[in-house]
Amino acid sequence: MEATNQYVVFKLEEEYYGIDINFVETIERVVEITRLPNAPHYIKGVINLRGEVIPVIDLRTRFNIEDKAISEESRIIILTIEEMTIGLLVDSSSEVLTIEKEEIDNTNSLINYSEDEYIKGIGKVNERMIIILDPMKILYYHNQEG
């Protein structure tokens, strides 16, 4: 599949993150989230989106960022990854940006902590740094934990 170099950009705290637009189905306002017993700590619960039950990952919790109340700005980004549909709860969604490959630095030499498992690179657009995430790792990284 040819990469489009387009990313859906969203915020957590004051940081900008991007996910390849090929994974993104829709961006939704936050609806009622039903908690699931015994789910991993970062699973906020499930939502009913047009008749489909979709698990929602709280990215703040996933990245060990302090909890924050859901606001008018909060969004759930609906992704499809390997025929599985999930939602990512984020502080706000801002735009779709085109980031060329040469504007993305590899992070292997920059960081060495658990969050880097999720990071594909750092994009630079007009003085802004955008952390490019690997949605597969967000989903499956917990398999390697403890």
N, C-alpha and C. Protein backbone atom coordinates (compact mmCIF):
# COMPACT_ATOMS: atom_id res chain seq x y z
N MET A 1 0.84 -1.19 0.00
CA MET A 1 0.00 0.00 0.00
C MET A 1 0.88 1.25 0.00
N GLU A 2 0.62 2.15 -0.89
CA GLU A 2 1.40 3.38 -0.99
C GLU A 2 1.06 4.31 0.17
N ALA A 3 2.09 4.79 0.84
CA ALA A 3 1.87 5.71 1.96
C ALA A 3 1.44 7.07 1.42
N THR A 4 0.47 7.67 2.07
CA THR A 4 -0.01 8.98 1.62
C THR A 4 0.75 10.11 2.29
N ASN A 5 1.46 9.79 3.39
CA ASN A 5 2.15 10.81 4.18
C ASN A 5 1.17 11.78 4.83
N GLN A 6 -0.11 11.37 4.94
CA GLN A 6 -1.09 12.21 5.61
C GLN A 6 -1.38 11.63 6.99
N TYR A 7 -1.46 12.51 7.97
CA TYR A 7 -1.64 12.10 9.35
C TYR A 7 -2.78 12.89 9.99
N VAL A 8 -3.60 12.19 10.77
CA VAL A 8 -4.58 12.86 11.60
C VAL A 8 -3.84 13.30 12.85
N VAL A 9 -3.87 14.60 13.13
CA VAL A 9 -3.11 15.16 14.25
C VAL A 9 -4.07 15.45 15.40
N PHE A 10 -3.64 15.07 16.61
CA PHE A 10 -4.45 15.32 17.80
C PHE A 10 -3.53 15.69 18.95
N LYS A 11 -4.15 16.17 20.04
CA LYS A 11 -3.39 16.62 21.20
C LYS A 11 -3.66 15.76 22.42
N LEU A 12 -2.61 15.56 23.19
CA LEU A 12 -2.67 15.05 24.56
C LEU A 12 -1.82 16.03 25.36
N GLU A 13 -2.40 16.62 26.40
CA GLU A 13 -1.70 17.70 27.12
C GLU A 13 -1.31 18.75 26.10
N GLU A 14 -0.03 19.13 26.07
CA GLU A 14 0.41 20.16 25.13
C GLU A 14 1.16 19.57 23.94
N GLU A 15 1.18 18.25 23.81
CA GLU A 15 1.92 17.61 22.74
C GLU A 15 1.00 17.26 21.58
N TYR A 16 1.55 17.33 20.38
CA TYR A 16 0.82 16.93 19.18
C TYR A 16 1.26 15.53 18.76
N TYR A 17 0.28 14.70 18.40
CA TYR A 17 0.54 13.34 17.94
C TYR A 17 -0.13 13.16 16.59
N GLY A 18 0.41 12.23 15.80
CA GLY A 18 -0.18 11.95 14.50
C GLY A 18 -0.32 10.46 14.28
N ILE A 19 -1.39 10.09 13.59
CA ILE A 19 -1.62 8.69 13.19
C ILE A 19 -1.89 8.69 11.69
N ASP A 20 -1.27 7.75 11.00
CA ASP A 20 -1.44 7.62 9.54
C ASP A 20 -2.93 7.59 9.21
N ILE A 21 -3.34 8.43 8.29
CA ILE A 21 -4.75 8.58 7.94
C ILE A 21 -5.35 7.28 7.41
N ASN A 22 -4.51 6.38 6.89
CA ASN A 22 -5.02 5.11 6.36
C ASN A 22 -5.70 4.25 7.43
N PHE A 23 -5.34 4.46 8.70
CA PHE A 23 -5.95 3.69 9.79
C PHE A 23 -7.26 4.32 10.29
N VAL A 24 -7.46 5.61 9.99
CA VAL A 24 -8.54 6.37 10.61
C VAL A 24 -9.83 6.24 9.80
N GLU A 25 -10.90 5.82 10.50
CA GLU A 25 -12.22 5.73 9.88
C GLU A 25 -12.98 7.04 10.06
N THR A 26 -13.15 7.45 11.31
CA THR A 26 -13.86 8.70 11.61
C THR A 26 -13.31 9.28 12.90
N ILE A 27 -13.71 10.52 13.16
CA ILE A 27 -13.41 11.17 14.44
C ILE A 27 -14.75 11.56 15.03
N GLU A 28 -15.01 11.09 16.24
CA GLU A 28 -16.33 11.25 16.85
C GLU A 28 -16.23 12.08 18.12
N ARG A 29 -17.33 12.79 18.41
CA ARG A 29 -17.47 13.40 19.74
C ARG A 29 -17.59 12.27 20.74
N VAL A 30 -17.23 12.56 21.98
CA VAL A 30 -17.29 11.52 23.01
C VAL A 30 -18.75 11.24 23.35
N VAL A 31 -19.12 9.97 23.30
CA VAL A 31 -20.45 9.52 23.70
C VAL A 31 -20.29 8.73 24.99
N GLU A 32 -21.37 8.23 25.52
CA GLU A 32 -21.28 7.47 26.77
C GLU A 32 -20.39 6.25 26.59
N ILE A 33 -19.44 6.10 27.49
CA ILE A 33 -18.51 4.97 27.46
C ILE A 33 -18.88 4.02 28.59
N THR A 34 -19.15 2.78 28.24
CA THR A 34 -19.51 1.75 29.23
C THR A 34 -18.26 1.03 29.68
N ARG A 35 -18.01 1.06 30.99
CA ARG A 35 -16.81 0.40 31.54
C ARG A 35 -16.91 -1.12 31.38
N LEU A 36 -15.76 -1.75 31.24
CA LEU A 36 -15.69 -3.21 31.16
C LEU A 36 -14.95 -3.74 32.37
N PRO A 37 -15.53 -4.70 33.09
CA PRO A 37 -14.81 -5.27 34.22
C PRO A 37 -13.61 -6.08 33.74
N ASN A 38 -12.53 -6.03 34.50
CA ASN A 38 -11.32 -6.81 34.24
C ASN A 38 -10.61 -6.48 32.93
N ALA A 39 -10.93 -5.34 32.33
CA ALA A 39 -10.21 -4.92 31.12
C ALA A 39 -8.87 -4.32 31.53
N PRO A 40 -7.89 -4.30 30.63
CA PRO A 40 -6.63 -3.62 30.95
C PRO A 40 -6.90 -2.18 31.39
N HIS A 41 -6.03 -1.64 32.25
CA HIS A 41 -6.27 -0.32 32.85
C HIS A 41 -6.45 0.80 31.83
N TYR A 42 -5.86 0.67 30.66
CA TYR A 42 -5.96 1.74 29.67
C TYR A 42 -7.20 1.63 28.78
N ILE A 43 -7.98 0.56 28.92
CA ILE A 43 -9.23 0.45 28.17
C ILE A 43 -10.30 1.20 28.96
N LYS A 44 -10.76 2.30 28.39
CA LYS A 44 -11.76 3.14 29.08
C LYS A 44 -13.11 2.42 29.15
N GLY A 45 -13.39 1.60 28.13
CA GLY A 45 -14.65 0.88 28.06
C GLY A 45 -15.02 0.67 26.61
N VAL A 46 -16.34 0.57 26.35
CA VAL A 46 -16.81 0.40 24.98
C VAL A 46 -17.88 1.45 24.68
N ILE A 47 -18.00 1.78 23.38
CA ILE A 47 -19.05 2.67 22.94
C ILE A 47 -19.90 1.94 21.90
N ASN A 48 -21.12 2.42 21.74
CA ASN A 48 -21.99 1.92 20.69
C ASN A 48 -21.98 2.98 19.59
N LEU A 49 -21.33 2.64 18.47
CA LEU A 49 -21.23 3.58 17.37
C LEU A 49 -22.01 3.03 16.19
N ARG A 50 -23.17 3.63 15.95
CA ARG A 50 -24.04 3.20 14.87
C ARG A 50 -24.26 1.68 14.89
N GLY A 51 -24.53 1.14 16.09
CA GLY A 51 -24.85 -0.27 16.23
C GLY A 51 -23.66 -1.19 16.40
N GLU A 52 -22.45 -0.65 16.29
CA GLU A 52 -21.24 -1.47 16.47
C GLU A 52 -20.62 -1.15 17.83
N VAL A 53 -20.27 -2.21 18.58
CA VAL A 53 -19.62 -2.03 19.88
C VAL A 53 -18.12 -1.92 19.64
N ILE A 54 -17.54 -0.80 20.10
CA ILE A 54 -16.13 -0.51 19.83
C ILE A 54 -15.40 -0.25 21.15
N PRO A 55 -14.29 -0.99 21.40
CA PRO A 55 -13.49 -0.70 22.59
C PRO A 55 -12.76 0.63 22.44
N VAL A 56 -12.62 1.35 23.55
CA VAL A 56 -11.97 2.67 23.54
C VAL A 56 -10.74 2.63 24.44
N ILE A 57 -9.59 2.97 23.85
CA ILE A 57 -8.34 3.07 24.60
C ILE A 57 -8.15 4.52 25.01
N ASP A 58 -7.92 4.75 26.31
CA ASP A 58 -7.63 6.10 26.81
C ASP A 58 -6.14 6.33 26.62
N LEU A 59 -5.77 7.15 25.64
CA LEU A 59 -4.34 7.34 25.35
C LEU A 59 -3.61 8.04 26.48
N ARG A 60 -4.30 8.87 27.27
CA ARG A 60 -3.63 9.49 28.42
C ARG A 60 -3.16 8.40 29.38
N THR A 61 -4.04 7.45 29.67
CA THR A 61 -3.68 6.35 30.57
C THR A 61 -2.61 5.48 29.93
N ARG A 62 -2.76 5.20 28.64
CA ARG A 62 -1.81 4.34 27.92
C ARG A 62 -0.40 4.90 27.98
N PHE A 63 -0.29 6.24 27.91
CA PHE A 63 1.02 6.89 27.91
C PHE A 63 1.42 7.41 29.29
N ASN A 64 0.70 7.00 30.33
CA ASN A 64 0.99 7.43 31.70
C ASN A 64 0.98 8.95 31.86
N ILE A 65 0.00 9.58 31.22
CA ILE A 65 -0.21 11.03 31.38
C ILE A 65 -1.33 11.19 32.40
N GLU A 66 -1.19 12.19 33.26
CA GLU A 66 -2.18 12.43 34.31
C GLU A 66 -3.61 12.48 33.74
N ASP A 67 -4.53 11.85 34.47
CA ASP A 67 -5.92 11.80 34.04
C ASP A 67 -6.52 13.19 33.94
N LYS A 68 -7.47 13.36 33.05
CA LYS A 68 -8.11 14.66 32.85
C LYS A 68 -9.57 14.39 32.49
N ALA A 69 -10.45 15.23 32.98
CA ALA A 69 -11.87 15.05 32.68
C ALA A 69 -12.12 15.23 31.19
N ILE A 70 -13.08 14.48 30.67
CA ILE A 70 -13.48 14.61 29.28
C ILE A 70 -14.15 15.97 29.11
N SER A 71 -13.80 16.67 28.03
CA SER A 71 -14.33 18.02 27.79
C SER A 71 -15.04 18.07 26.44
N GLU A 72 -15.54 19.26 26.12
CA GLU A 72 -16.16 19.49 24.80
C GLU A 72 -15.17 19.23 23.67
N GLU A 73 -13.89 19.45 23.95
CA GLU A 73 -12.84 19.28 22.93
C GLU A 73 -12.46 17.81 22.73
N SER A 74 -12.71 16.97 23.72
CA SER A 74 -12.29 15.56 23.65
C SER A 74 -12.91 14.88 22.44
N ARG A 75 -12.16 13.95 21.86
CA ARG A 75 -12.64 13.20 20.70
C ARG A 75 -12.25 11.74 20.83
N ILE A 76 -12.99 10.90 20.11
CA ILE A 76 -12.62 9.49 19.97
C ILE A 76 -12.28 9.28 18.50
N ILE A 77 -11.03 8.92 18.25
CA ILE A 77 -10.60 8.67 16.88
C ILE A 77 -10.82 7.17 16.62
N ILE A 78 -11.66 6.87 15.64
CA ILE A 78 -12.00 5.48 15.32
C ILE A 78 -11.01 4.97 14.28
N LEU A 79 -10.29 3.88 14.64
CA LEU A 79 -9.29 3.29 13.77
C LEU A 79 -9.71 1.88 13.38
N THR A 80 -9.28 1.46 12.20
CA THR A 80 -9.39 0.05 11.83
C THR A 80 -7.98 -0.47 11.61
N ILE A 81 -7.64 -1.50 12.40
CA ILE A 81 -6.32 -2.09 12.34
C ILE A 81 -6.51 -3.60 12.18
N GLU A 82 -6.04 -4.13 11.08
CA GLU A 82 -6.18 -5.57 10.81
C GLU A 82 -7.61 -6.06 11.07
N GLU A 83 -8.56 -5.41 10.46
CA GLU A 83 -9.98 -5.76 10.54
C GLU A 83 -10.58 -5.60 11.94
N MET A 84 -9.86 -4.98 12.85
CA MET A 84 -10.39 -4.71 14.18
C MET A 84 -10.62 -3.20 14.30
N THR A 85 -11.78 -2.83 14.84
CA THR A 85 -12.09 -1.41 15.00
C THR A 85 -11.95 -1.04 16.47
N ILE A 86 -11.20 0.03 16.73
CA ILE A 86 -11.02 0.52 18.09
C ILE A 86 -11.14 2.04 18.09
N GLY A 87 -11.36 2.60 19.27
CA GLY A 87 -11.38 4.04 19.42
C GLY A 87 -10.22 4.49 20.30
N LEU A 88 -9.68 5.65 20.01
CA LEU A 88 -8.65 6.26 20.85
C LEU A 88 -9.22 7.55 21.43
N LEU A 89 -9.29 7.62 22.76
CA LEU A 89 -9.76 8.82 23.43
C LEU A 89 -8.60 9.80 23.52
N VAL A 90 -8.79 11.01 22.94
CA VAL A 90 -7.73 12.03 22.94
C VAL A 90 -8.32 13.36 23.44
N ASP A 91 -7.42 14.28 23.81
CA ASP A 91 -7.87 15.57 24.35
C ASP A 91 -8.58 16.41 23.29
N SER A 92 -8.04 16.41 22.07
CA SER A 92 -8.68 17.14 20.98
C SER A 92 -8.06 16.68 19.68
N SER A 93 -8.81 16.84 18.60
CA SER A 93 -8.32 16.50 17.28
C SER A 93 -8.23 17.81 16.50
N SER A 94 -7.12 18.02 15.82
CA SER A 94 -6.96 19.34 15.23
C SER A 94 -7.06 19.36 13.71
N GLU A 95 -6.40 18.44 13.03
CA GLU A 95 -6.32 18.61 11.58
C GLU A 95 -5.73 17.37 10.92
N VAL A 96 -5.73 17.39 9.60
CA VAL A 96 -5.00 16.40 8.82
C VAL A 96 -3.83 17.13 8.19
N LEU A 97 -2.62 16.59 8.39
CA LEU A 97 -1.42 17.23 7.85
C LEU A 97 -0.70 16.26 6.93
N THR A 98 -0.07 16.80 5.91
CA THR A 98 0.83 16.01 5.08
C THR A 98 2.24 16.24 5.62
N ILE A 99 2.91 15.14 5.97
CA ILE A 99 4.28 15.22 6.49
C ILE A 99 5.12 14.31 5.60
N GLU A 100 6.03 14.91 4.86
CA GLU A 100 6.89 14.12 3.97
C GLU A 100 7.87 13.29 4.78
N LYS A 101 8.26 12.16 4.21
CA LYS A 101 9.17 11.24 4.91
C LYS A 101 10.45 11.94 5.38
N GLU A 102 10.96 12.85 4.55
CA GLU A 102 12.21 13.52 4.94
C GLU A 102 12.00 14.51 6.10
N GLU A 103 10.74 14.82 6.43
CA GLU A 103 10.46 15.69 7.57
C GLU A 103 10.24 14.89 8.85
N ILE A 104 10.40 13.57 8.78
CA ILE A 104 10.20 12.71 9.95
C ILE A 104 11.53 12.11 10.38
N ASP A 105 11.93 12.40 11.62
CA ASP A 105 13.16 11.84 12.16
C ASP A 105 12.85 10.52 12.84
N ASN A 106 13.74 9.57 12.67
CA ASN A 106 13.64 8.30 13.38
C ASN A 106 13.98 8.56 14.84
N THR A 107 13.29 7.88 15.74
CA THR A 107 13.49 8.18 17.17
C THR A 107 14.42 7.21 17.86
N ASN A 108 14.94 6.21 17.18
CA ASN A 108 15.75 5.19 17.84
C ASN A 108 16.88 5.78 18.67
N SER A 109 17.53 6.82 18.16
CA SER A 109 18.66 7.39 18.88
C SER A 109 18.24 8.46 19.87
N LEU A 110 16.98 8.89 19.81
CA LEU A 110 16.56 10.02 20.65
C LEU A 110 16.08 9.61 22.02
N ILE A 111 15.29 8.55 22.08
CA ILE A 111 14.63 8.22 23.33
C ILE A 111 14.75 6.75 23.63
N ASN A 112 14.70 6.44 24.91
CA ASN A 112 14.80 5.04 25.30
C ASN A 112 13.98 4.83 26.57
N TYR A 113 12.68 4.90 26.44
CA TYR A 113 11.80 4.62 27.56
C TYR A 113 10.57 3.95 27.00
N SER A 114 9.67 3.50 27.88
CA SER A 114 8.60 2.62 27.44
C SER A 114 7.71 3.25 26.37
N GLU A 115 7.48 4.56 26.44
CA GLU A 115 6.57 5.19 25.48
C GLU A 115 7.12 5.09 24.05
N ASP A 116 8.46 4.98 23.91
CA ASP A 116 9.01 4.96 22.55
C ASP A 116 8.57 3.72 21.78
N GLU A 117 8.05 2.72 22.47
CA GLU A 117 7.52 1.55 21.78
C GLU A 117 6.42 1.94 20.81
N TYR A 118 5.68 3.00 21.12
CA TYR A 118 4.53 3.40 20.32
C TYR A 118 4.90 4.36 19.21
N ILE A 119 6.13 4.88 19.24
CA ILE A 119 6.50 6.01 18.38
C ILE A 119 7.23 5.53 17.14
N LYS A 120 6.75 6.00 15.98
CA LYS A 120 7.42 5.69 14.71
C LYS A 120 8.45 6.74 14.35
N GLY A 121 8.21 7.97 14.76
CA GLY A 121 9.12 9.06 14.42
C GLY A 121 8.58 10.38 14.91
N ILE A 122 9.37 11.43 14.70
CA ILE A 122 8.96 12.78 15.08
C ILE A 122 8.91 13.61 13.80
N GLY A 123 7.71 14.11 13.48
CA GLY A 123 7.55 14.95 12.30
C GLY A 123 7.74 16.41 12.66
N LYS A 124 8.34 17.16 11.75
CA LYS A 124 8.55 18.59 11.98
C LYS A 124 7.78 19.35 10.90
N VAL A 125 6.81 20.16 11.34
CA VAL A 125 6.02 20.94 10.41
C VAL A 125 5.93 22.36 10.95
N ASN A 126 6.52 23.32 10.24
CA ASN A 126 6.46 24.73 10.64
C ASN A 126 6.74 24.92 12.13
N GLU A 127 7.88 24.52 12.59
CA GLU A 127 8.28 24.70 13.99
C GLU A 127 7.52 23.81 14.97
N ARG A 128 6.55 23.05 14.51
CA ARG A 128 5.82 22.15 15.42
C ARG A 128 6.42 20.76 15.35
N MET A 129 6.48 20.11 16.49
CA MET A 129 6.92 18.72 16.55
C MET A 129 5.67 17.86 16.69
N ILE A 130 5.55 16.85 15.84
CA ILE A 130 4.41 15.95 15.89
C ILE A 130 4.93 14.53 16.06
N ILE A 131 4.52 13.90 17.14
CA ILE A 131 4.96 12.55 17.45
C ILE A 131 4.11 11.58 16.64
N ILE A 132 4.74 10.85 15.73
CA ILE A 132 4.03 9.92 14.86
C ILE A 132 3.91 8.58 15.59
N LEU A 133 2.67 8.12 15.78
CA LEU A 133 2.43 6.90 16.54
C LEU A 133 2.25 5.69 15.63
N ASP A 134 2.58 4.54 16.17
CA ASP A 134 2.36 3.26 15.49
C ASP A 134 1.14 2.62 16.15
N PRO A 135 -0.02 2.66 15.48
CA PRO A 135 -1.24 2.15 16.11
C PRO A 135 -1.17 0.66 16.47
N MET A 136 -0.41 -0.12 15.72
CA MET A 136 -0.27 -1.55 16.03
C MET A 136 0.35 -1.72 17.42
N LYS A 137 1.35 -0.91 17.73
CA LYS A 137 2.05 -1.03 19.01
C LYS A 137 1.15 -0.57 20.15
N ILE A 138 0.33 0.45 19.90
CA ILE A 138 -0.60 0.92 20.94
C ILE A 138 -1.52 -0.24 21.33
N LEU A 139 -1.95 -0.99 20.33
CA LEU A 139 -2.85 -2.11 20.57
C LEU A 139 -2.15 -3.28 21.23
N TYR A 140 -0.99 -3.65 20.70
CA TYR A 140 -0.41 -4.94 21.07
C TYR A 140 0.74 -4.88 22.03
N TYR A 141 1.22 -3.69 22.39
CA TYR A 141 2.39 -3.59 23.26
C TYR A 141 2.17 -4.29 24.60
N HIS A 142 0.92 -4.29 25.09
CA HIS A 142 0.67 -4.86 26.41
C HIS A 142 1.01 -6.35 26.45
N ASN A 143 1.12 -6.99 25.31
CA ASN A 143 1.50 -8.40 25.30
C ASN A 143 2.93 -8.61 25.79
N GLN A 144 3.77 -7.60 25.63
CA GLN A 144 5.16 -7.73 26.08
C GLN A 144 5.35 -7.26 27.53
N GLU A 145 4.35 -6.61 28.10
CA GLU A 145 4.50 -6.10 29.47
C GLU A 145 4.50 -7.26 30.45
N GLY A 146 5.37 -7.10 31.50
CA GLY A 146 5.47 -8.00 32.63
C GLY A 146 4.94 -9.32 32.36
